[in-house]
């Protein structure tokens, strides 16, 4: 039986990230995906969940560009599986980002944090 302790989702997510995979939760009762992965479904509160790997593609649902000393884009990306994830859009011209734009997953190593999921235009 799968480990469904409260920290199981975080452990599984961290391990998948080390392998370059973005992990989602899948409610077996409804067939709906959710993010962040956790031991109970946010739809039914049932422990009947599975952790699955995301396709790594999506579209920009909302985006804002912070223009300070080091500009960056913060976006809500709707994954191909349905859930939305708050993330950065990187390695692109920030002035060209648009709602509905296709993006793909990439990982950036952060000192002391390991790999962090980010997206770049597809």
Protein backbone atom coordinates (compact mmCIF):
# COMPACT_ATOMS: atom_id res chain seq x y z
CA UNK A 1 0.00 0.00 0.00
CA UNK A 2 1.21 3.53 -0.79
CA UNK A 3 2.53 5.79 1.96
CA UNK A 4 -0.32 8.23 2.65
CA UNK A 5 1.10 9.94 5.72
CA UNK A 6 0.68 13.75 5.75
CA UNK A 7 4.27 14.23 4.54
CA UNK A 8 4.08 11.50 1.88
CA UNK A 9 3.09 13.95 -0.86
CA UNK A 10 6.00 16.27 -0.10
CA UNK A 11 8.49 13.40 0.05
CA UNK A 12 7.21 11.95 -3.22
CA UNK A 13 7.24 15.42 -4.84
CA UNK A 14 10.85 16.06 -3.75
CA UNK A 15 12.02 12.65 -4.98
CA UNK A 16 10.30 13.13 -8.35
CA UNK A 17 11.83 16.62 -8.69
CA UNK A 18 15.29 15.11 -8.22
CA UNK A 19 14.47 12.92 -11.24
CA UNK A 20 13.16 15.89 -13.26
CA UNK A 21 9.49 14.97 -12.90
CA UNK A 22 6.62 17.17 -11.70
CA UNK A 23 4.29 15.17 -9.49
CA UNK A 24 0.52 15.65 -9.25
CA UNK A 25 -2.13 14.02 -7.15
CA UNK A 26 -4.87 12.04 -8.85
CA UNK A 27 -8.18 11.46 -7.09
CA UNK A 28 -9.18 7.90 -7.94
CA UNK A 29 -12.80 8.65 -7.00
CA UNK A 30 -13.26 11.54 -9.46
CA UNK A 31 -10.40 11.05 -11.94
CA UNK A 32 -9.33 14.68 -11.37
CA UNK A 33 -5.73 15.78 -10.92
CA UNK A 34 -4.66 18.20 -8.19
CA UNK A 35 -1.61 20.16 -7.15
CA UNK A 36 0.07 20.01 -4.66
CA UNK A 37 0.20 16.22 -4.17
CA UNK A 38 -1.13 15.18 -0.77
CA UNK A 39 -2.51 12.15 1.01
CA UNK A 40 -6.20 13.08 0.66
CA UNK A 41 -8.20 14.31 -2.29
CA UNK A 42 -9.22 18.00 -2.09
CA UNK A 43 -12.39 17.02 -3.99
CA UNK A 44 -13.66 14.17 -1.80
CA UNK A 45 -11.35 14.21 1.26
CA UNK A 46 -10.79 10.52 0.52
CA UNK A 47 -7.38 8.87 0.85
CA UNK A 48 -8.10 7.13 -2.47
CA UNK A 49 -5.33 9.04 -4.28
CA UNK A 50 -2.37 8.25 -6.48
CA UNK A 51 0.73 10.28 -7.29
CA UNK A 52 1.34 10.65 -11.04
CA UNK A 53 3.85 12.44 -13.24
CA UNK A 54 2.61 15.53 -15.10
CA UNK A 55 3.15 15.84 -18.85
CA UNK A 56 5.10 19.04 -18.19
CA UNK A 57 3.08 21.22 -20.54
CA UNK A 58 0.48 23.89 -20.00
CA UNK A 59 -0.68 27.40 -20.79
CA UNK A 60 -0.29 30.71 -19.04
CA UNK A 61 -3.54 31.41 -17.18
CA UNK A 62 -2.32 34.67 -15.62
CA UNK A 63 1.02 36.47 -15.64
CA UNK A 64 2.65 39.55 -14.18
CA UNK A 65 6.13 40.95 -14.70
CA UNK A 66 7.92 42.54 -11.75
CA UNK A 67 10.27 45.21 -13.05
CA UNK A 68 12.89 45.80 -10.40
CA UNK A 69 16.66 45.51 -10.53
CA UNK A 70 16.21 41.95 -11.74
CA UNK A 71 12.87 41.66 -13.61
CA UNK A 72 11.01 38.37 -13.43
CA UNK A 73 7.68 36.87 -14.48
CA UNK A 74 5.32 35.28 -11.98
CA UNK A 75 2.55 33.22 -13.55
CA UNK A 76 -0.32 30.92 -12.85
CA UNK A 77 0.14 28.07 -15.32
CA UNK A 78 -2.74 25.74 -16.12
CA UNK A 79 -1.22 22.31 -16.60
CA UNK A 80 -2.40 20.01 -19.38
CA UNK A 81 -3.95 17.81 -16.67
CA UNK A 82 -6.04 20.72 -15.32
CA UNK A 83 -4.50 21.98 -12.06
CA UNK A 84 -2.95 25.43 -11.88
CA UNK A 85 0.49 26.04 -10.43
CA UNK A 86 2.11 29.30 -9.31
CA UNK A 87 5.53 29.50 -10.91
CA UNK A 88 8.08 31.62 -12.72
CA UNK A 89 8.38 31.91 -16.49
CA UNK A 90 12.07 31.96 -17.39
CA UNK A 91 14.49 32.06 -20.32
CA UNK A 92 12.35 34.33 -22.46
CA UNK A 93 11.64 37.93 -23.43
CA UNK A 94 9.33 39.02 -20.61
CA UNK A 95 7.58 41.53 -22.89
CA UNK A 96 6.29 38.73 -25.14
CA UNK A 97 4.46 36.71 -22.47
CA UNK A 98 0.71 36.42 -23.02
CA UNK A 99 -2.27 34.72 -21.40
CA UNK A 100 -3.01 31.47 -23.24
CA UNK A 101 0.61 31.06 -24.35
CA UNK A 102 1.90 27.48 -24.38
CA UNK A 103 4.68 26.70 -21.91
CA UNK A 104 6.77 23.70 -20.95
CA UNK A 105 8.32 22.56 -17.70
CA UNK A 106 11.98 23.06 -16.90
CA UNK A 107 13.92 22.74 -13.69
CA UNK A 108 16.32 25.25 -12.19
CA UNK A 109 18.66 24.32 -9.41
CA UNK A 110 18.45 26.62 -6.40
CA UNK A 111 21.26 26.63 -3.88
CA UNK A 112 20.19 24.78 -0.76
CA UNK A 113 16.71 23.98 -2.17
CA UNK A 114 17.34 21.50 -4.95
CA UNK A 115 15.48 21.67 -8.27
CA UNK A 116 12.59 24.14 -8.59
CA UNK A 117 9.85 23.71 -11.21
CA UNK A 118 9.63 26.64 -13.60
CA UNK A 119 8.26 27.08 -17.09
CA UNK A 120 9.48 28.52 -20.38
CA UNK A 121 7.57 29.26 -23.60
CA UNK A 122 7.04 26.11 -25.67
